[in-house]
Amino acid sequence: MRVAIETLIEAPADIVWQHLQTPALLAHVAAPVLRFTPVQPADWPAVWAEGDYVTAMHFLGVLPLGRQTVAIRKGHSQAWPRTVRDAGWGQLVRQWDHLITVAADGPCRTRYRDEVTIGAGLLTPFIWLFALFFYRHRQRRWRRLARTGFAALKS
């Protein structure tokens, strides 16, 4: 099953793209619904590189959901739109193919799209409903983060 949700972020596309490249952004926009803890490698990189990252996933920070592999695959275009894919899988969800598209929509606004294809056997309809909620949550967190000038991500 597939979920596709799009929003406008009030920030330049290059700034959105820059933050999208970091595990800190994932942690922020997923919180408090999901928490990802690195397993292999044991620490997150400062910036995502192409490759597989095994995580322990928790719902609301406490309920273990098992291991999930975040499988980063980057698009190679320098023009807009740009894409990055998490071709992930895990113990609960066999396929979590998440394509993120970032496109400039003027000098100070970004069109941001999450598109995820989910395969979880008999659980697929339930995971699909969760994904609808979760990606709306993530996009709300993105918009709020942009309104604050990405302050929560600055050390």
Protein backbone atom coordinates (compact mmCIF):
# COMPACT_ATOMS: atom_id res chain seq x y z
CA MET A 1 0.00 0.00 0.00
CA ARG A 2 1.13 3.54 -0.67
CA VAL A 3 0.93 6.86 1.21
CA ALA A 4 1.78 10.18 -0.47
CA ILE A 5 1.59 13.48 1.43
CA GLU A 6 2.89 16.88 0.33
CA THR A 7 3.32 20.19 2.12
CA LEU A 8 4.85 23.63 1.67
CA ILE A 9 7.69 24.59 3.99
CA GLU A 10 8.41 28.27 4.44
CA ALA A 11 12.17 28.02 3.92
CA PRO A 12 14.50 28.00 0.92
CA ALA A 13 14.84 24.57 -0.71
CA ASP A 14 18.61 24.47 -0.25
CA ILE A 15 18.20 24.93 3.54
CA VAL A 16 15.52 22.22 3.69
CA TRP A 17 17.75 19.94 1.62
CA GLN A 18 20.74 20.60 3.89
CA HIS A 19 18.79 19.64 7.03
CA LEU A 20 17.23 16.60 5.36
CA GLN A 21 20.74 15.14 5.05
CA THR A 22 21.11 14.81 8.84
CA PRO A 23 20.02 12.17 11.35
CA ALA A 24 19.28 15.07 13.74
CA LEU A 25 16.43 16.11 11.44
CA LEU A 26 14.99 12.57 11.43
CA ALA A 27 15.10 12.46 15.24
CA HIS A 28 13.37 15.82 15.51
CA VAL A 29 10.54 15.32 13.01
CA ALA A 30 9.80 11.74 14.19
CA ALA A 31 9.61 12.72 17.88
CA PRO A 32 7.80 12.00 20.06
CA VAL A 33 5.89 9.40 18.00
CA LEU A 34 8.92 7.33 16.99
CA ARG A 35 12.43 7.24 18.38
CA PHE A 36 15.27 5.70 16.39
CA THR A 37 18.39 4.55 18.25
CA PRO A 38 21.45 3.61 16.19
CA VAL A 39 22.53 -0.03 16.49
CA GLN A 40 24.94 -0.50 13.57
CA PRO A 41 26.86 1.68 13.33
CA ALA A 42 26.65 2.48 17.05
CA ASP A 43 26.56 6.24 16.41
CA TRP A 44 24.80 8.31 13.78
CA PRO A 45 26.98 10.11 11.26
CA ALA A 46 26.71 13.91 11.18
CA VAL A 47 25.39 13.61 7.61
CA TRP A 48 23.71 10.60 5.99
CA ALA A 49 25.89 8.73 3.51
CA GLU A 50 24.46 6.14 1.15
CA GLY A 51 24.24 2.87 2.99
CA ASP A 52 22.31 0.85 5.53
CA TYR A 53 21.81 1.94 9.14
CA VAL A 54 20.30 -0.56 11.58
CA THR A 55 18.18 1.11 14.26
CA ALA A 56 16.13 0.11 17.26
CA MET A 57 12.72 1.71 16.89
CA HIS A 58 10.42 2.71 19.77
CA PHE A 59 6.84 3.99 19.70
CA LEU A 60 6.39 7.00 22.00
CA GLY A 61 9.93 6.40 23.22
CA VAL A 62 9.03 3.32 25.24
CA LEU A 63 7.28 0.57 23.27
CA PRO A 64 9.89 -1.43 21.32
CA LEU A 65 8.98 -2.01 17.66
CA GLY A 66 12.06 -4.05 16.80
CA ARG A 67 14.90 -3.33 14.47
CA GLN A 68 14.49 -1.26 11.32
CA THR A 69 17.08 -0.75 8.60
CA VAL A 70 17.23 2.77 7.23
CA ALA A 71 18.65 2.22 3.74
CA ILE A 72 19.72 5.60 2.37
CA ARG A 73 19.84 5.94 -1.42
CA LYS A 74 20.46 9.45 -2.69
CA GLY A 75 19.39 10.92 -6.01
CA HIS A 76 22.21 12.52 -7.93
CA SER A 77 20.53 15.59 -9.40
CA GLN A 78 21.81 19.01 -8.40
CA ALA A 79 18.75 20.61 -10.01
CA TRP A 80 15.30 20.78 -8.38
CA PRO A 81 13.52 18.59 -7.58
CA ARG A 82 15.95 16.45 -5.60
CA THR A 83 15.23 13.10 -4.03
CA VAL A 84 16.46 10.80 -1.32
CA ARG A 85 15.09 7.32 -0.66
CA ASP A 86 15.00 5.15 2.42
CA ALA A 87 14.56 1.71 0.88
CA GLY A 88 14.16 0.31 4.38
CA TRP A 89 12.89 -2.87 5.96
CA GLY A 90 12.56 -4.28 9.43
CA GLN A 91 11.22 -6.92 11.74
CA LEU A 92 7.70 -5.49 11.75
CA VAL A 93 7.59 -4.11 8.20
CA ARG A 94 9.26 -6.04 5.37
CA GLN A 95 9.11 -3.06 2.99
CA TRP A 96 9.25 0.61 3.96
CA ASP A 97 10.23 2.31 0.72
CA HIS A 98 10.17 6.03 1.52
CA LEU A 99 10.88 8.52 -1.25
CA ILE A 100 11.36 12.16 -0.22
CA THR A 101 11.16 14.83 -2.91
CA VAL A 102 12.27 18.40 -2.29
CA ALA A 103 11.52 21.12 -4.84
CA ALA A 104 12.01 24.88 -4.80
CA ASP A 105 8.70 26.73 -4.90
CA GLY A 106 10.06 30.26 -5.15
CA PRO A 107 13.11 31.69 -3.39
CA CYS A 108 11.86 31.16 0.18
CA ARG A 109 9.48 28.21 -0.02
CA THR A 110 9.89 24.48 -0.55
CA ARG A 111 7.48 21.86 -1.82
CA TYR A 112 8.18 18.75 0.25
CA ARG A 113 6.71 15.32 -0.49
CA ASP A 114 6.78 12.04 1.42
CA GLU A 115 5.80 8.97 -0.54
CA VAL A 116 6.05 5.57 1.11
CA THR A 117 5.22 2.09 -0.10
CA ILE A 118 4.51 -0.33 2.72
CA GLY A 119 4.62 -4.12 2.76
CA ALA A 120 3.89 -5.81 6.09
CA GLY A 121 1.80 -8.83 5.23
CA LEU A 122 -1.47 -8.97 7.15
CA LEU A 123 -0.41 -5.89 9.14
CA THR A 124 -0.15 -3.72 6.01
CA PRO A 125 -3.53 -1.94 6.36
CA PHE A 126 -2.78 -1.07 10.00
CA ILE A 127 0.76 0.11 9.23
CA TRP A 128 -0.66 2.14 6.31
CA LEU A 129 -3.08 3.92 8.69
CA PHE A 130 -0.20 4.61 11.07
CA ALA A 131 1.88 5.97 8.16
CA LEU A 132 -0.92 8.41 7.23
CA PHE A 133 -0.82 9.80 10.76
CA PHE A 134 2.97 9.66 11.08
CA TYR A 135 3.79 11.53 7.85
CA ARG A 136 1.26 14.27 8.65
CA HIS A 137 2.96 14.56 12.04
CA ARG A 138 6.41 14.74 10.43
CA GLN A 139 5.33 17.44 8.01
CA ARG A 140 3.79 19.50 10.85
CA ARG A 141 7.11 19.21 12.70
CA TRP A 142 8.97 20.29 9.52
CA ARG A 143 6.78 23.40 9.14
CA ARG A 144 7.14 24.34 12.81
CA LEU A 145 10.91 23.79 12.65
CA ALA A 146 11.20 26.07 9.60
CA ARG A 147 9.18 28.82 11.35
CA THR A 148 11.78 28.84 14.13
CA GLY A 149 14.71 29.05 11.68
CA PHE A 150 15.62 25.41 12.46
CA ALA A 151 16.66 26.51 15.97
CA ALA A 152 16.10 23.06 17.50
CA LEU A 153 18.78 21.59 15.22
CA LYS A 154 21.47 24.10 16.10
CA SER A 155 23.95 23.05 18.75
